[in-house]
Amino acid sequence: MREAVDAWRSFDWAAAESRINAVPHFTTEIDGQIIHFIHVRSAEPDATPLVLAHTYPGSSVDYLDMIDLLVDPVAHGGRPEDAFDIVIPDAPGFGYSQPVAAGWTTARVAAAYDTLMRGLGYENYGIHGSDNGALIARELGLLNPEGFLGLHVLQLFSFPSGDPEEFEKLEPADYAGLEHMQWFQSVGGYNTMNASRPQTVAVGLSDSPVGLLAYSELFNSFGNGTSLVPLQTILLEVSVNWFANAASGMSRSYLENARASAEPRVNAAPTGVAVFASDFQTIRVFAERDNSNIVHWSRFDEGGHFASLERPDLVAGDIREFFARLR
């Protein structure tokens, strides 16, 4: 922590601002909420519209390194038909989508993203998401609006139901995944805190930049010591949250979802999953119980929970591969 604080003192925010401002930013109002978003159109006329939904405790800057890979695939060895128009919203309460009122569950955010894409003139689009963004992506799959192409996620948070038959279908590698799942939950104490007392936590996080930095240790702890997220990238993420005063809003999203818990529903939209070695290990037997149309599944030997910050090339390539089969 001392090393990170010392590095933050000399962090080049002017350079970070230039990097952030190199892409077009917009705000709009949807359902009474200010939504900030990045919107980059590809030069390719038939580019596929795509929402990129960010993590907790991230924001739209999660995807700065992926924009050009997706918008201009030809410049990176890809094909013109693999190009995307990119829309990267800050979820309500995150980044610069402030301030946030009560009631913004992931389901409501998903509906707002659909409204956003329609407002931008897109009749067809898909979504990619990780962590909180994966939850939003799946909610959009449940909504499955007209013209929705499908969702690509880095996690499907499906857990054992207690049915012994589920365990009979597990592959040997799945048991290692179960152990990793237990470890993953063991470092997720922030889930309980945010889902029960987010405003209490927010006072400290909004008052102390070092406190916010400490609470953002998720960027490197979720790799179980193997995270590839550079310190300068973590400082960029935390700086945005500090300057936007986002601690209260982004923590509150957990409480809203806990209050609005509903009966489980099956997602039938086309779904693609990319599992990274040091991330939450989505187990296919459980995932297929909750998602009936998984058409793409890939595994990567490196990368963790924040793969878009660690290996943006691998994430972008997998997104291209998934949506190529849906066009």
C-alpha atoms as a PDB file:
ATOM      1  CA  MET A   1       0.000   0.000   0.000  1.00  0.00           C
ATOM      2  CA  ARG A   2       2.819   2.415   0.826  1.00  0.00           C
ATOM      3  CA  GLU A   3       4.340   1.773  -2.596  1.00  0.00           C
ATOM      4  CA  ALA A   4       0.989   2.477  -4.262  1.00  0.00           C
ATOM      5  CA  VAL A   5       0.465   5.711  -2.286  1.00  0.00           C
ATOM      6  CA  ASP A   6       3.963   6.917  -3.181  1.00  0.00           C
ATOM      7  CA  ALA A   7       3.321   6.131  -6.843  1.00  0.00           C
ATOM      8  CA  TRP A   8       0.000   7.993  -6.715  1.00  0.00           C
ATOM      9  CA  ARG A   9       1.727  11.134  -5.427  1.00  0.00           C
ATOM     10  CA  SER A  10       3.714  11.303  -8.661  1.00  0.00           C
ATOM     11  CA  PHE A  11       0.927   9.983 -10.915  1.00  0.00           C
ATOM     12  CA  ASP A  12       0.710  11.982 -14.154  1.00  0.00           C
ATOM     13  CA  TRP A  13      -2.971  12.928 -14.147  1.00  0.00           C
ATOM     14  CA  ALA A  14      -2.504  15.339 -17.065  1.00  0.00           C
ATOM     15  CA  ALA A  15      -1.309  12.453 -19.231  1.00  0.00           C
ATOM     16  CA  ALA A  16      -4.204  10.325 -17.983  1.00  0.00           C
ATOM     17  CA  GLU A  17      -6.665  13.095 -18.883  1.00  0.00           C
ATOM     18  CA  SER A  18      -5.215  13.284 -22.385  1.00  0.00           C
ATOM     19  CA  ARG A  19      -5.612   9.551 -22.784  1.00  0.00           C
ATOM     20  CA  ILE A  20      -9.213   9.607 -21.552  1.00  0.00           C
ATOM     21  CA  ASN A  21     -10.097  12.634 -23.685  1.00  0.00           C
ATOM     22  CA  ALA A  22      -8.673  11.036 -26.836  1.00  0.00           C
ATOM     23  CA  VAL A  23     -12.068   9.354 -27.316  1.00  0.00           C
ATOM     24  CA  PRO A  24     -15.493  11.057 -27.603  1.00  0.00           C
ATOM     25  CA  HIS A  25     -17.500  11.424 -24.382  1.00  0.00           C
ATOM     26  CA  PHE A  26     -21.197  12.192 -24.035  1.00  0.00           C
ATOM     27  CA  THR A  27     -23.921  12.433 -21.412  1.00  0.00           C
ATOM     28  CA  THR A  28     -27.643  11.826 -21.701  1.00  0.00           C
ATOM     29  CA  GLU A  29     -30.578  11.451 -19.341  1.00  0.00           C
ATOM     30  CA  ILE A  30     -32.406   8.122 -19.217  1.00  0.00           C
ATOM     31  CA  ASP A  31     -35.142   7.286 -16.711  1.00  0.00           C
ATOM     32  CA  GLY A  32     -34.225  10.372 -14.688  1.00  0.00           C
ATOM     33  CA  GLN A  33     -30.529   9.431 -14.465  1.00  0.00           C
ATOM     34  CA  ILE A  34     -27.524  11.161 -16.031  1.00  0.00           C
ATOM     35  CA  ILE A  35     -25.564   8.558 -17.998  1.00  0.00           C
ATOM     36  CA  HIS A  36     -22.020   9.285 -19.125  1.00  0.00           C
ATOM     37  CA  PHE A  37     -20.711   7.187 -21.999  1.00  0.00           C
ATOM     38  CA  ILE A  38     -17.932   6.843 -24.549  1.00  0.00           C
ATOM     39  CA  HIS A  39     -19.061   6.346 -28.151  1.00  0.00           C
ATOM     40  CA  VAL A  40     -16.599   5.446 -30.903  1.00  0.00           C
ATOM     41  CA  ARG A  41     -17.822   4.580 -34.393  1.00  0.00           C
ATOM     42  CA  SER A  42     -15.790   2.373 -36.695  1.00  0.00           C
ATOM     43  CA  ALA A  43     -14.844   3.495 -40.197  1.00  0.00           C
ATOM     44  CA  GLU A  44     -16.229   0.161 -41.412  1.00  0.00           C
ATOM     45  CA  PRO A  45     -19.801   0.705 -42.677  1.00  0.00           C
ATOM     46  CA  ASP A  46     -21.125  -2.648 -41.448  1.00  0.00           C
ATOM     47  CA  ALA A  47     -19.603  -2.530 -37.963  1.00  0.00           C
ATOM     48  CA  THR A  48     -21.534  -4.366 -35.239  1.00  0.00           C
ATOM     49  CA  PRO A  49     -22.814  -2.097 -32.433  1.00  0.00           C
ATOM     50  CA  LEU A  50     -21.486  -3.287 -29.064  1.00  0.00           C
ATOM     51  CA  VAL A  51     -21.940  -2.168 -25.463  1.00  0.00           C
ATOM     52  CA  LEU A  52     -18.959  -2.725 -23.161  1.00  0.00           C
ATOM     53  CA  ALA A  53     -20.168  -3.014 -19.547  1.00  0.00           C
ATOM     54  CA  HIS A  54     -17.487  -2.386 -16.922  1.00  0.00           C
ATOM     55  CA  THR A  55     -16.524  -4.003 -13.623  1.00  0.00           C
ATOM     56  CA  TYR A  56     -16.838  -3.037  -9.969  1.00  0.00           C
ATOM     57  CA  PRO A  57     -14.945  -0.975  -8.832  1.00  0.00           C
ATOM     58  CA  GLY A  58     -14.156   0.123 -12.379  1.00  0.00           C
ATOM     59  CA  SER A  59     -15.703   2.494 -14.885  1.00  0.00           C
ATOM     60  CA  SER A  60     -15.661   3.145 -18.610  1.00  0.00           C
ATOM     61  CA  VAL A  61     -11.860   3.467 -18.471  1.00  0.00           C
ATOM     62  CA  ASP A  62     -11.764  -0.335 -18.044  1.00  0.00           C
ATOM     63  CA  TYR A  63     -11.896  -0.563 -21.831  1.00  0.00           C
ATOM     64  CA  LEU A  64      -9.590   2.193 -23.083  1.00  0.00           C
ATOM     65  CA  ASP A  65      -7.045  -0.373 -24.296  1.00  0.00           C
ATOM     66  CA  MET A  66      -9.699  -2.386 -26.142  1.00  0.00           C
ATOM     67  CA  ILE A  67     -11.358   0.379 -28.138  1.00  0.00           C
ATOM     68  CA  ASP A  68      -9.003   0.451 -31.109  1.00  0.00           C
ATOM     69  CA  LEU A  69      -8.719  -3.351 -31.164  1.00  0.00           C
ATOM     70  CA  LEU A  70     -12.483  -3.583 -31.677  1.00  0.00           C
ATOM     71  CA  VAL A  71     -13.135  -0.474 -33.776  1.00  0.00           C
ATOM     72  CA  ASP A  72     -10.259  -1.029 -36.229  1.00  0.00           C
ATOM     73  CA  PRO A  73      -9.492  -4.767 -36.400  1.00  0.00           C
ATOM     74  CA  VAL A  74      -7.677  -4.434 -39.744  1.00  0.00           C
ATOM     75  CA  ALA A  75      -4.956  -2.360 -38.056  1.00  0.00           C
ATOM     76  CA  HIS A  76      -4.414  -5.281 -35.680  1.00  0.00           C
ATOM     77  CA  GLY A  77      -4.371  -8.141 -38.171  1.00  0.00           C
ATOM     78  CA  GLY A  78      -8.136  -8.732 -38.220  1.00  0.00           C
ATOM     79  CA  ARG A  79     -10.867  -8.546 -40.848  1.00  0.00           C
ATOM     80  CA  PRO A  80     -13.097  -5.563 -41.732  1.00  0.00           C
ATOM     81  CA  GLU A  81     -16.220  -7.575 -40.938  1.00  0.00           C
ATOM     82  CA  ASP A  82     -15.005  -7.974 -37.343  1.00  0.00           C
ATOM     83  CA  ALA A  83     -15.296  -4.230 -36.629  1.00  0.00           C
ATOM     84  CA  PHE A  84     -17.537  -2.808 -33.905  1.00  0.00           C
ATOM     85  CA  ASP A  85     -19.103   0.520 -33.059  1.00  0.00           C
ATOM     86  CA  ILE A  86     -18.327   0.835 -29.352  1.00  0.00           C
ATOM     87  CA  VAL A  87     -20.517   2.307 -26.594  1.00  0.00           C
ATOM     88  CA  ILE A  88     -19.060   2.271 -23.065  1.00  0.00           C
ATOM     89  CA  PRO A  89     -21.438   3.645 -20.416  1.00  0.00           C
ATOM     90  CA  ASP A  90     -20.576   4.383 -16.826  1.00  0.00           C
ATOM     91  CA  ALA A  91     -23.262   2.451 -14.960  1.00  0.00           C
ATOM     92  CA  PRO A  92     -25.438   4.689 -12.733  1.00  0.00           C
ATOM     93  CA  GLY A  93     -23.413   5.505  -9.629  1.00  0.00           C
ATOM     94  CA  PHE A  94     -20.103   4.640 -11.298  1.00  0.00           C
ATOM     95  CA  GLY A  95     -17.577   6.992 -12.874  1.00  0.00           C
ATOM     96  CA  TYR A  96     -19.241  10.151 -14.129  1.00  0.00           C
ATOM     97  CA  SER A  97     -22.826   8.838 -14.120  1.00  0.00           C
ATOM     98  CA  GLN A  98     -23.457  10.855 -10.957  1.00  0.00           C
ATOM     99  CA  PRO A  99     -25.315  11.483  -8.743  1.00  0.00           C
ATOM    100  CA  VAL A 100     -27.458   8.354  -8.515  1.00  0.00           C
ATOM    101  CA  ALA A 101     -30.906   7.970  -6.966  1.00  0.00           C
ATOM    102  CA  ALA A 102     -32.297   4.865  -5.271  1.00  0.00           C
ATOM    103  CA  GLY A 103     -33.594   1.888  -7.200  1.00  0.00           C
ATOM    104  CA  TRP A 104     -30.871   1.328  -9.798  1.00  0.00           C
ATOM    105  CA  THR A 105     -30.687  -2.463  -9.926  1.00  0.00           C
ATOM    106  CA  THR A 106     -28.792  -4.295 -12.657  1.00  0.00           C
ATOM    107  CA  ALA A 107     -32.129  -5.017 -14.364  1.00  0.00           C
ATOM    108  CA  ARG A 108     -32.932  -1.312 -14.512  1.00  0.00           C
ATOM    109  CA  VAL A 109     -29.436  -0.548 -15.794  1.00  0.00           C
ATOM    110  CA  ALA A 110     -29.861  -3.159 -18.544  1.00  0.00           C
ATOM    111  CA  ALA A 111     -33.112  -1.515 -19.641  1.00  0.00           C
ATOM    112  CA  ALA A 112     -31.379   1.886 -19.651  1.00  0.00           C
ATOM    113  CA  TYR A 113     -28.604   0.511 -21.865  1.00  0.00           C
ATOM    114  CA  ASP A 114     -31.204  -0.710 -24.338  1.00  0.00           C
ATOM    115  CA  THR A 115     -32.766   2.760 -24.338  1.00  0.00           C
ATOM    116  CA  LEU A 116     -29.318   4.272 -24.879  1.00  0.00           C
ATOM    117  CA  MET A 117     -28.578   2.081 -27.891  1.00  0.00           C
ATOM    118  CA  ARG A 118     -31.984   2.814 -29.441  1.00  0.00           C
ATOM    119  CA  GLY A 119     -31.387   6.524 -28.874  1.00  0.00           C
ATOM    120  CA  LEU A 120     -28.085   6.260 -30.738  1.00  0.00           C
ATOM    121  CA  GLY A 121     -29.951   4.799 -33.694  1.00  0.00           C
ATOM    122  CA  TYR A 122     -28.898   1.161 -33.368  1.00  0.00           C
ATOM    123  CA  GLU A 123     -31.556  -1.424 -34.223  1.00  0.00           C
ATOM    124  CA  ASN A 124     -29.272  -4.396 -33.507  1.00  0.00           C
ATOM    125  CA  TYR A 125     -26.499  -4.657 -30.952  1.00  0.00           C
ATOM    126  CA  GLY A 126     -24.708  -6.955 -28.520  1.00  0.00           C
ATOM    127  CA  ILE A 127     -23.034  -6.552 -25.162  1.00  0.00           C
ATOM    128  CA  HIS A 128     -19.822  -7.656 -23.469  1.00  0.00           C
ATOM    129  CA  GLY A 129     -19.446  -7.497 -19.703  1.00  0.00           C
ATOM    130  CA  SER A 130     -17.272  -8.534 -16.792  1.00  0.00           C
ATOM    131  CA  ASP A 131     -18.039  -8.650 -13.058  1.00  0.00           C
ATOM    132  CA  ASN A 132     -20.843  -6.123 -12.472  1.00  0.00           C
ATOM    133  CA  GLY A 133     -20.926  -5.709 -16.237  1.00  0.00           C
ATOM    134  CA  ALA A 134     -21.483  -9.451 -16.659  1.00  0.00           C
ATOM    135  CA  LEU A 135     -24.524  -9.195 -14.376  1.00  0.00           C
ATOM    136  CA  ILE A 136     -25.877  -6.313 -16.464  1.00  0.00           C
ATOM    137  CA  ALA A 137     -25.193  -8.266 -19.665  1.00  0.00           C
ATOM    138  CA  ARG A 138     -27.135 -11.271 -18.394  1.00  0.00           C
ATOM    139  CA  GLU A 139     -30.035  -9.032 -17.353  1.00  0.00           C
ATOM    140  CA  LEU A 140     -30.070  -7.699 -20.895  1.00  0.00           C
ATOM    141  CA  GLY A 141     -30.192 -11.306 -22.075  1.00  0.00           C
ATOM    142  CA  LEU A 142     -33.220 -11.883 -19.843  1.00  0.00           C
ATOM    143  CA  LEU A 143     -34.811  -8.747 -21.282  1.00  0.00           C
ATOM    144  CA  ASN A 144     -33.832  -9.950 -24.784  1.00  0.00           C
ATOM    145  CA  PRO A 145     -35.192  -6.889 -26.610  1.00  0.00           C
ATOM    146  CA  GLU A 146     -35.900  -6.933 -30.333  1.00  0.00           C
ATOM    147  CA  GLY A 147     -32.665  -6.845 -32.304  1.00  0.00           C
ATOM    148  CA  PHE A 148     -30.499  -7.998 -29.387  1.00  0.00           C
ATOM    149  CA  LEU A 149     -27.689 -10.131 -30.815  1.00  0.00           C
ATOM    150  CA  GLY A 150     -26.359 -11.737 -27.644  1.00  0.00           C
ATOM    151  CA  LEU A 151     -24.032 -11.378 -24.684  1.00  0.00           C
ATOM    152  CA  HIS A 152     -20.360 -12.169 -24.231  1.00  0.00           C
ATOM    153  CA  VAL A 153     -19.181 -12.328 -20.615  1.00  0.00           C
ATOM    154  CA  LEU A 154     -16.123 -13.267 -18.597  1.00  0.00           C
ATOM    155  CA  GLN A 155     -18.230 -14.787 -15.820  1.00  0.00           C
ATOM    156  CA  LEU A 156     -21.594 -16.449 -15.387  1.00  0.00           C
ATOM    157  CA  PHE A 157     -22.194 -16.435 -11.647  1.00  0.00           C
ATOM    158  CA  SER A 158     -23.945 -19.804 -11.406  1.00  0.00           C
ATOM    159  CA  PHE A 159     -23.470 -21.809  -8.213  1.00  0.00           C
ATOM    160  CA  PRO A 160     -24.359 -25.375  -7.108  1.00  0.00           C
ATOM    161  CA  SER A 161     -28.079 -25.825  -6.490  1.00  0.00           C
ATOM    162  CA  GLY A 162     -27.623 -28.768  -4.116  1.00  0.00           C
ATOM    163  CA  ASP A 163     -28.931 -31.287  -6.654  1.00  0.00           C
ATOM    164  CA  PRO A 164     -26.619 -34.378  -6.510  1.00  0.00           C
ATOM    165  CA  GLU A 165     -27.165 -34.986 -10.232  1.00  0.00           C
ATOM    166  CA  GLU A 166     -25.336 -31.754 -11.016  1.00  0.00           C
ATOM    167  CA  PHE A 167     -22.181 -33.064  -9.365  1.00  0.00           C
ATOM    168  CA  GLU A 168     -22.395 -36.335 -11.300  1.00  0.00           C
ATOM    169  CA  LYS A 169     -21.976 -34.328 -14.500  1.00  0.00           C
ATOM    170  CA  LEU A 170     -18.843 -32.490 -13.378  1.00  0.00           C
ATOM    171  CA  GLU A 171     -15.567 -32.983 -15.218  1.00  0.00           C
ATOM    172  CA  PRO A 172     -12.364 -33.515 -13.169  1.00  0.00           C
ATOM    173  CA  ALA A 173     -11.229 -29.956 -13.901  1.00  0.00           C
ATOM    174  CA  ASP A 174     -14.501 -28.640 -12.483  1.00  0.00           C
ATOM    175  CA  TYR A 175     -13.530 -29.695  -8.963  1.00  0.00           C
ATOM    176  CA  ALA A 176     -10.509 -27.425  -9.130  1.00  0.00           C
ATOM    177  CA  GLY A 177     -12.949 -24.768 -10.281  1.00  0.00           C
ATOM    178  CA  LEU A 178     -15.081 -25.378  -7.192  1.00  0.00           C
ATOM    179  CA  GLU A 179     -12.039 -24.869  -4.972  1.00  0.00           C
ATOM    180  CA  HIS A 180     -11.204 -21.668  -6.807  1.00  0.00           C
ATOM    181  CA  MET A 181     -14.831 -20.576  -6.414  1.00  0.00           C
ATOM    182  CA  GLN A 182     -14.552 -21.025  -2.643  1.00  0.00           C
ATOM    183  CA  TRP A 183     -11.357 -18.970  -2.577  1.00  0.00           C
ATOM    184  CA  PHE A 184     -12.989 -16.332  -4.758  1.00  0.00           C
ATOM    185  CA  GLN A 185     -15.842 -15.997  -2.281  1.00  0.00           C
ATOM    186  CA  SER A 186     -13.398 -15.827   0.634  1.00  0.00           C
ATOM    187  CA  VAL A 187     -11.928 -12.544  -0.662  1.00  0.00           C
ATOM    188  CA  GLY A 188     -15.348 -11.073  -1.447  1.00  0.00           C
ATOM    189  CA  GLY A 189     -16.237  -9.655   1.972  1.00  0.00           C
ATOM    190  CA  TYR A 190     -16.893  -6.331   0.286  1.00  0.00           C
ATOM    191  CA  ASN A 191     -20.016  -7.969  -1.250  1.00  0.00           C
ATOM    192  CA  THR A 192     -21.630  -8.332   2.178  1.00  0.00           C
ATOM    193  CA  MET A 193     -20.600  -4.861   3.286  1.00  0.00           C
ATOM    194  CA  ASN A 194     -21.819  -3.161   0.111  1.00  0.00           C
ATOM    195  CA  ALA A 195     -25.085  -5.110   0.117  1.00  0.00           C
ATOM    196  CA  SER A 196     -25.904  -4.121   3.699  1.00  0.00           C
ATOM    197  CA  ARG A 197     -24.134  -0.884   4.740  1.00  0.00           C
ATOM    198  CA  PRO A 198     -22.868   0.864   1.576  1.00  0.00           C
ATOM    199  CA  GLN A 199     -23.436   4.412   2.810  1.00  0.00           C
ATOM    200  CA  THR A 200     -21.434   3.728   5.976  1.00  0.00           C
ATOM    201  CA  VAL A 201     -18.507   2.546   3.878  1.00  0.00           C
ATOM    202  CA  ALA A 202     -18.948   5.456   1.478  1.00  0.00           C
ATOM    203  CA  VAL A 203     -18.274   8.073   4.169  1.00  0.00           C
ATOM    204  CA  GLY A 204     -14.757   6.778   4.690  1.00  0.00           C
ATOM    205  CA  LEU A 205     -14.097   6.150   1.004  1.00  0.00           C
ATOM    206  CA  SER A 206     -15.281   9.637   0.054  1.00  0.00           C
ATOM    207  CA  ASP A 207     -13.213  11.281   2.791  1.00  0.00           C
ATOM    208  CA  SER A 208      -9.870   9.567   2.242  1.00  0.00           C
ATOM    209  CA  PRO A 209      -8.172   8.938  -1.105  1.00  0.00           C
ATOM    210  CA  VAL A 210      -5.925   6.369   0.558  1.00  0.00           C
ATOM    211  CA  GLY A 211      -9.012   4.636   1.946  1.00  0.00           C
ATOM    212  CA  LEU A 212     -10.478   4.467  -1.559  1.00  0.00           C
ATOM    213  CA  LEU A 213      -7.197   3.109  -2.890  1.00  0.00           C
ATOM    214  CA  ALA A 214      -7.131   0.434  -0.182  1.00  0.00           C
ATOM    215  CA  TYR A 215     -10.728  -0.597  -0.912  1.00  0.00           C
ATOM    216  CA  SER A 216      -9.757  -0.872  -4.581  1.00  0.00           C
ATOM    217  CA  GLU A 217      -7.253  -3.634  -3.823  1.00  0.00           C
ATOM    218  CA  LEU A 218      -9.701  -5.869  -5.692  1.00  0.00           C
ATOM    219  CA  PHE A 219      -7.793  -4.928  -8.832  1.00  0.00           C
ATOM    220  CA  ASN A 220      -4.883  -7.079  -7.691  1.00  0.00           C
ATOM    221  CA  SER A 221      -6.231  -9.392  -4.964  1.00  0.00           C
ATOM    222  CA  PHE A 222      -8.678 -11.262  -7.202  1.00  0.00           C
ATOM    223  CA  GLY A 223      -5.840 -12.835  -9.132  1.00  0.00           C
ATOM    224  CA  ASN A 224      -4.786 -14.797  -6.011  1.00  0.00           C
ATOM    225  CA  GLY A 225      -1.364 -13.182  -6.322  1.00  0.00           C
ATOM    226  CA  THR A 226      -1.223 -13.546 -10.113  1.00  0.00           C
ATOM    227  CA  SER A 227      -2.952 -10.322 -11.217  1.00  0.00           C
ATOM    228  CA  LEU A 228      -1.410  -8.678 -14.261  1.00  0.00           C
ATOM    229  CA  VAL A 229      -3.101  -5.289 -13.767  1.00  0.00           C
ATOM    230  CA  PRO A 230      -0.306  -2.672 -13.765  1.00  0.00           C
ATOM    231  CA  LEU A 231      -0.134  -0.291 -10.808  1.00  0.00           C
ATOM    232  CA  GLN A 232      -0.434   2.740 -13.105  1.00  0.00           C
ATOM    233  CA  THR A 233      -3.701   1.319 -14.456  1.00  0.00           C
ATOM    234  CA  ILE A 234      -5.046   0.812 -10.936  1.00  0.00           C
ATOM    235  CA  LEU A 235      -4.132   4.411 -10.107  1.00  0.00           C
ATOM    236  CA  LEU A 236      -6.001   5.595 -13.210  1.00  0.00           C
ATOM    237  CA  GLU A 237      -9.122   3.682 -12.155  1.00  0.00           C
ATOM    238  CA  VAL A 238      -8.984   4.950  -8.570  1.00  0.00           C
ATOM    239  CA  SER A 239      -8.267   8.527  -9.669  1.00  0.00           C
ATOM    240  CA  VAL A 240     -11.405   8.570 -11.817  1.00  0.00           C
ATOM    241  CA  ASN A 241     -13.490   7.268  -8.912  1.00  0.00           C
ATOM    242  CA  TRP A 242     -11.965   9.822  -6.545  1.00  0.00           C
ATOM    243  CA  PHE A 243     -12.458  12.847  -8.809  1.00  0.00           C
ATOM    244  CA  ALA A 244     -15.999  11.707  -9.695  1.00  0.00           C
ATOM    245  CA  ASN A 245     -16.806  11.063  -5.996  1.00  0.00           C
ATOM    246  CA  ALA A 246     -18.152   7.676  -7.062  1.00  0.00           C
ATOM    247  CA  ALA A 247     -17.588   5.693  -3.848  1.00  0.00           C
ATOM    248  CA  SER A 248     -21.152   6.060  -2.599  1.00  0.00           C
ATOM    249  CA  GLY A 249     -22.950   5.286  -5.845  1.00  0.00           C
ATOM    250  CA  MET A 250     -20.936   2.294  -6.948  1.00  0.00           C
ATOM    251  CA  SER A 251     -21.183   0.636  -3.539  1.00  0.00           C
ATOM    252  CA  ARG A 252     -24.931   1.221  -3.359  1.00  0.00           C
ATOM    253  CA  SER A 253     -25.592  -0.892  -6.464  1.00  0.00           C
ATOM    254  CA  TYR A 254     -25.063  -4.008  -4.336  1.00  0.00           C
ATOM    255  CA  LEU A 255     -27.726  -2.918  -1.849  1.00  0.00           C
ATOM    256  CA  GLU A 256     -30.230  -2.230  -4.628  1.00  0.00           C
ATOM    257  CA  ASN A 257     -29.772  -5.732  -6.036  1.00  0.00           C
ATOM    258  CA  ALA A 258     -30.032  -7.337  -2.591  1.00  0.00           C
ATOM    259  CA  ARG A 259     -33.319  -5.542  -1.939  1.00  0.00           C
ATOM    260  CA  ALA A 260     -34.723  -6.519  -5.322  1.00  0.00           C
ATOM    261  CA  SER A 261     -33.867 -10.222  -5.203  1.00  0.00           C
ATOM    262  CA  ALA A 262     -36.214 -12.150  -7.479  1.00  0.00           C
ATOM    263  CA  GLU A 263     -36.906 -15.728  -8.511  1.00  0.00           C
ATOM    264  CA  PRO A 264     -34.175 -17.192 -10.747  1.00  0.00           C
ATOM    265  CA  ARG A 265     -34.861 -16.973 -14.468  1.00  0.00           C
ATOM    266  CA  VAL A 266     -33.208 -18.709 -17.397  1.00  0.00           C
ATOM    267  CA  ASN A 267     -31.380 -16.564 -19.931  1.00  0.00           C
ATOM    268  CA  ALA A 268     -32.208 -17.798 -23.447  1.00  0.00           C
ATOM    269  CA  ALA A 269     -30.281 -15.194 -25.461  1.00  0.00           C
ATOM    270  CA  PRO A 270     -27.164 -16.335 -27.375  1.00  0.00           C
ATOM    271  CA  THR A 271     -24.368 -16.366 -24.819  1.00  0.00           C
ATOM    272  CA  GLY A 272     -20.593 -16.584 -25.028  1.00  0.00           C
ATOM    273  CA  VAL A 273     -18.258 -17.173 -22.087  1.00  0.00           C
ATOM    274  CA  ALA A 274     -14.510 -16.612 -21.783  1.00  0.00           C
ATOM    275  CA  VAL A 275     -12.949 -18.113 -18.641  1.00  0.00           C
ATOM    276  CA  PHE A 276      -9.549 -16.772 -17.585  1.00  0.00           C
ATOM    277  CA  ALA A 277      -7.163 -18.852 -15.488  1.00  0.00           C
ATOM    278  CA  SER A 278      -7.035 -16.650 -12.379  1.00  0.00           C
ATOM    279  CA  ASP A 279     -10.633 -15.458 -12.504  1.00  0.00           C
ATOM    280  CA  PHE A 280     -13.868 -16.815 -11.068  1.00  0.00           C
ATOM    281  CA  GLN A 281     -14.149 -20.255 -12.649  1.00  0.00           C
ATOM    282  CA  THR A 282     -17.532 -20.501 -14.339  1.00  0.00           C
ATOM    283  CA  ILE A 283     -18.555 -24.181 -14.265  1.00  0.00           C
ATOM    284  CA  ARG A 284     -20.423 -25.144 -17.392  1.00  0.00           C
ATOM    285  CA  VAL A 285     -22.885 -27.589 -15.782  1.00  0.00           C
ATOM    286  CA  PHE A 286     -24.152 -24.862 -13.468  1.00  0.00           C
ATOM    287  CA  ALA A 287     -24.027 -22.190 -16.164  1.00  0.00           C
ATOM    288  CA  GLU A 288     -26.097 -24.247 -18.617  1.00  0.00           C
ATOM    289  CA  ARG A 289     -28.766 -24.730 -15.951  1.00  0.00           C
ATOM    290  CA  ASP A 290     -29.247 -20.957 -15.792  1.00  0.00           C
ATOM    291  CA  ASN A 291     -28.445 -20.079 -19.415  1.00  0.00           C
ATOM    292  CA  SER A 292     -30.027 -22.267 -22.077  1.00  0.00           C
ATOM    293  CA  ASN A 293     -28.280 -20.914 -25.173  1.00  0.00           C
ATOM    294  CA  ILE A 294     -24.528 -20.971 -24.544  1.00  0.00           C
ATOM    295  CA  VAL A 295     -23.037 -21.112 -28.040  1.00  0.00           C
ATOM    296  CA  HIS A 296     -19.424 -20.161 -27.316  1.00  0.00           C
ATOM    297  CA  TRP A 297     -17.041 -21.242 -24.548  1.00  0.00           C
ATOM    298  CA  SER A 298     -13.324 -20.551 -24.340  1.00  0.00           C
ATOM    299  CA  ARG A 299     -10.574 -20.824 -21.748  1.00  0.00           C
ATOM    300  CA  PHE A 300      -7.343 -18.874 -21.402  1.00  0.00           C
ATOM    301  CA  ASP A 301      -4.225 -19.924 -19.517  1.00  0.00           C
ATOM    302  CA  GLU A 302      -3.416 -16.433 -18.260  1.00  0.00           C
ATOM    303  CA  GLY A 303      -5.352 -13.411 -17.116  1.00  0.00           C
ATOM    304  CA  GLY A 304      -7.647 -12.842 -14.179  1.00  0.00           C
ATOM    305  CA  HIS A 305     -10.764 -11.068 -13.010  1.00  0.00           C
ATOM    306  CA  PHE A 306      -9.882  -7.817 -14.759  1.00  0.00           C
ATOM    307  CA  ALA A 307      -8.840  -9.394 -18.036  1.00  0.00           C
ATOM    308  CA  SER A 308      -9.686  -6.317 -20.115  1.00  0.00           C
ATOM    309  CA  LEU A 309      -6.953  -4.504 -18.151  1.00  0.00           C
ATOM    310  CA  GLU A 310      -4.558  -7.466 -18.188  1.00  0.00           C
ATOM    311  CA  ARG A 311      -4.929  -9.056 -21.641  1.00  0.00           C
ATOM    312  CA  PRO A 312      -7.152  -6.774 -23.736  1.00  0.00           C
ATOM    313  CA  ASP A 313      -5.932  -8.515 -26.880  1.00  0.00           C
ATOM    314  CA  LEU A 314      -7.307 -11.878 -25.743  1.00  0.00           C
ATOM    315  CA  VAL A 315     -10.635 -10.415 -24.641  1.00  0.00           C
ATOM    316  CA  ALA A 316     -11.070  -8.480 -27.892  1.00  0.00           C
ATOM    317  CA  GLY A 317     -10.210 -11.541 -29.959  1.00  0.00           C
ATOM    318  CA  ASP A 318     -12.753 -13.665 -28.132  1.00  0.00           C
ATOM    319  CA  ILE A 319     -15.435 -11.008 -28.552  1.00  0.00           C
ATOM    320  CA  ARG A 320     -14.760 -10.982 -32.301  1.00  0.00           C
ATOM    321  CA  GLU A 321     -14.977 -14.769 -32.484  1.00  0.00           C
ATOM    322  CA  PHE A 322     -18.273 -14.902 -30.591  1.00  0.00           C
ATOM    323  CA  PHE A 323     -20.101 -12.227 -32.544  1.00  0.00           C
ATOM    324  CA  ALA A 324     -18.803 -13.510 -35.897  1.00  0.00           C
ATOM    325  CA  ARG A 325     -21.097 -16.519 -35.518  1.00  0.00           C
ATOM    326  CA  LEU A 326     -24.117 -14.314 -34.775  1.00  0.00           C
ATOM    327  CA  ARG A 327     -23.901 -11.969 -37.758  1.00  0.00           C
END
